[in-house]
Protein backbone atom coordinates (compact mmCIF):
# COMPACT_ATOMS: atom_id res chain seq x y z
CA MET A 1 79.33 43.52 133.08
CA ALA A 2 80.43 43.46 136.70
CA THR A 3 80.63 46.71 138.67
CA ASP A 4 83.19 47.30 141.38
CA TYR A 5 81.28 49.30 143.99
CA ASP A 6 84.38 49.73 146.15
CA ALA A 7 86.28 51.58 143.44
CA PRO A 8 86.56 55.37 143.95
CA ARG A 9 84.19 57.39 141.79
CA LYS A 10 85.50 60.49 140.09
CA THR A 11 83.39 63.03 138.25
CA GLU A 12 83.93 66.58 137.04
CA ASP A 13 82.26 67.90 140.23
CA ASP A 14 84.90 66.30 142.46
CA SER A 15 87.53 68.79 141.30
CA GLU A 16 86.55 71.42 143.95
CA SER A 17 88.93 71.71 146.85
CA ILE A 18 87.89 71.45 150.48
CA GLU A 19 88.70 75.15 150.93
CA ALA A 20 86.24 76.11 148.20
CA LEU A 21 83.54 74.00 149.82
CA LYS A 22 84.20 75.59 153.23
CA GLU A 23 83.77 79.06 151.73
CA ARG A 24 80.34 78.18 150.31
CA VAL A 25 78.99 76.72 153.59
CA PRO A 26 78.44 79.24 156.41
CA ASP A 27 80.31 78.60 159.63
CA LYS A 28 77.82 77.39 162.24
CA LEU A 29 80.18 78.15 165.12
CA SER A 30 80.57 81.81 164.23
CA GLY A 31 79.08 84.57 166.38
CA ASN A 32 76.37 85.44 163.85
CA VAL A 33 72.92 84.86 165.34
CA ASP A 34 69.80 84.60 163.22
CA VAL A 35 67.18 86.71 164.98
CA GLU A 36 64.37 85.60 162.68
CA ASP A 37 61.69 83.56 164.43
CA ALA A 38 61.88 79.95 163.28
CA ASP A 39 58.15 79.34 163.81
CA ASN A 40 57.13 82.44 161.84
CA PRO A 41 59.88 82.98 159.25
CA SER A 42 58.09 85.70 157.30
CA GLY A 43 57.34 87.73 160.43
CA PHE A 44 53.72 88.57 159.68
CA GLU A 45 50.82 88.47 162.11
CA LEU A 46 47.80 86.40 161.21
CA PRO A 47 44.50 88.29 161.13
CA GLY A 48 42.45 87.59 164.22
CA ALA A 49 45.39 86.17 166.15
CA ASP A 50 44.59 88.19 169.30
CA LEU A 51 41.69 86.34 170.92
CA SER A 52 42.02 87.83 174.39
CA ASP A 53 38.72 89.71 174.18
CA VAL A 54 36.69 86.79 172.77
CA GLU A 55 34.16 85.03 174.98
CA LEU A 56 33.14 81.50 174.14
CA ASP A 57 29.55 80.36 174.53
CA VAL A 58 29.63 76.71 175.58
CA VAL A 59 26.72 74.71 176.89
CA VAL A 60 27.84 72.28 179.59
CA LEU A 61 25.50 69.40 180.24
CA PRO A 62 25.56 67.48 183.53
CA PRO A 63 26.20 63.72 183.37
CA GLN A 64 23.16 61.94 181.95
CA ALA A 65 21.41 58.98 183.59
CA ASP A 66 23.43 56.48 181.54
CA GLU A 67 26.80 58.17 182.21
CA PHE A 68 29.29 58.29 185.08
CA THR A 69 32.47 60.20 185.92
CA CYS A 70 35.53 58.02 186.48
CA VAL A 71 37.26 58.94 189.75
CA SER A 72 40.67 58.09 188.25
CA CYS A 73 40.71 59.95 184.90
CA PHE A 74 37.73 62.27 185.58
CA LEU A 75 36.20 61.60 182.18
CA VAL A 76 32.46 61.22 181.70
CA LYS A 77 31.81 57.80 180.19
CA HIS A 78 28.89 55.54 179.39
CA ARG A 79 27.76 53.10 182.13
CA SER A 80 28.91 50.19 179.97
CA GLN A 81 32.51 51.36 180.63
CA ILE A 82 32.36 50.79 184.43
CA ASP A 83 34.93 48.21 185.54
CA HIS A 84 34.32 48.30 189.28
CA GLN A 85 33.17 50.53 192.11
CA SER A 86 35.86 51.74 194.52
CA LYS A 87 35.49 53.52 197.87
CA LEU A 88 35.72 56.85 196.05
CA GLY A 89 33.42 55.99 193.14
CA PRO A 90 33.29 54.20 189.80
CA ILE A 91 36.46 53.29 187.87
CA CYS A 92 36.35 52.95 184.09
CA VAL A 93 37.69 49.94 182.16
CA GLU A 94 40.69 51.85 180.78
CA CYS A 95 41.89 53.02 184.21
CA ALA A 96 41.40 49.58 185.75
CA ALA A 97 43.65 47.96 183.11
């Protein structure tokens, strides 16, 4: 059986008028402003969210003998990543590309 996809489709749900549909959908151009925060819709604070008084203990190691700091991206990389030596210092393979 062939189906005519261009023919208009009518169901029982199509009987609503455009005015009835407009009443159900809120007007987006009205002056009502939603003051609820979109990122935090429930408005609650997470426990431990204030980290202003927390100090982090981090051990920073200097560059090792087999590492270098790229003068372009300032990342510490392994010596196998050196592309060339410039006037300012070593350049890594990624920055040279």
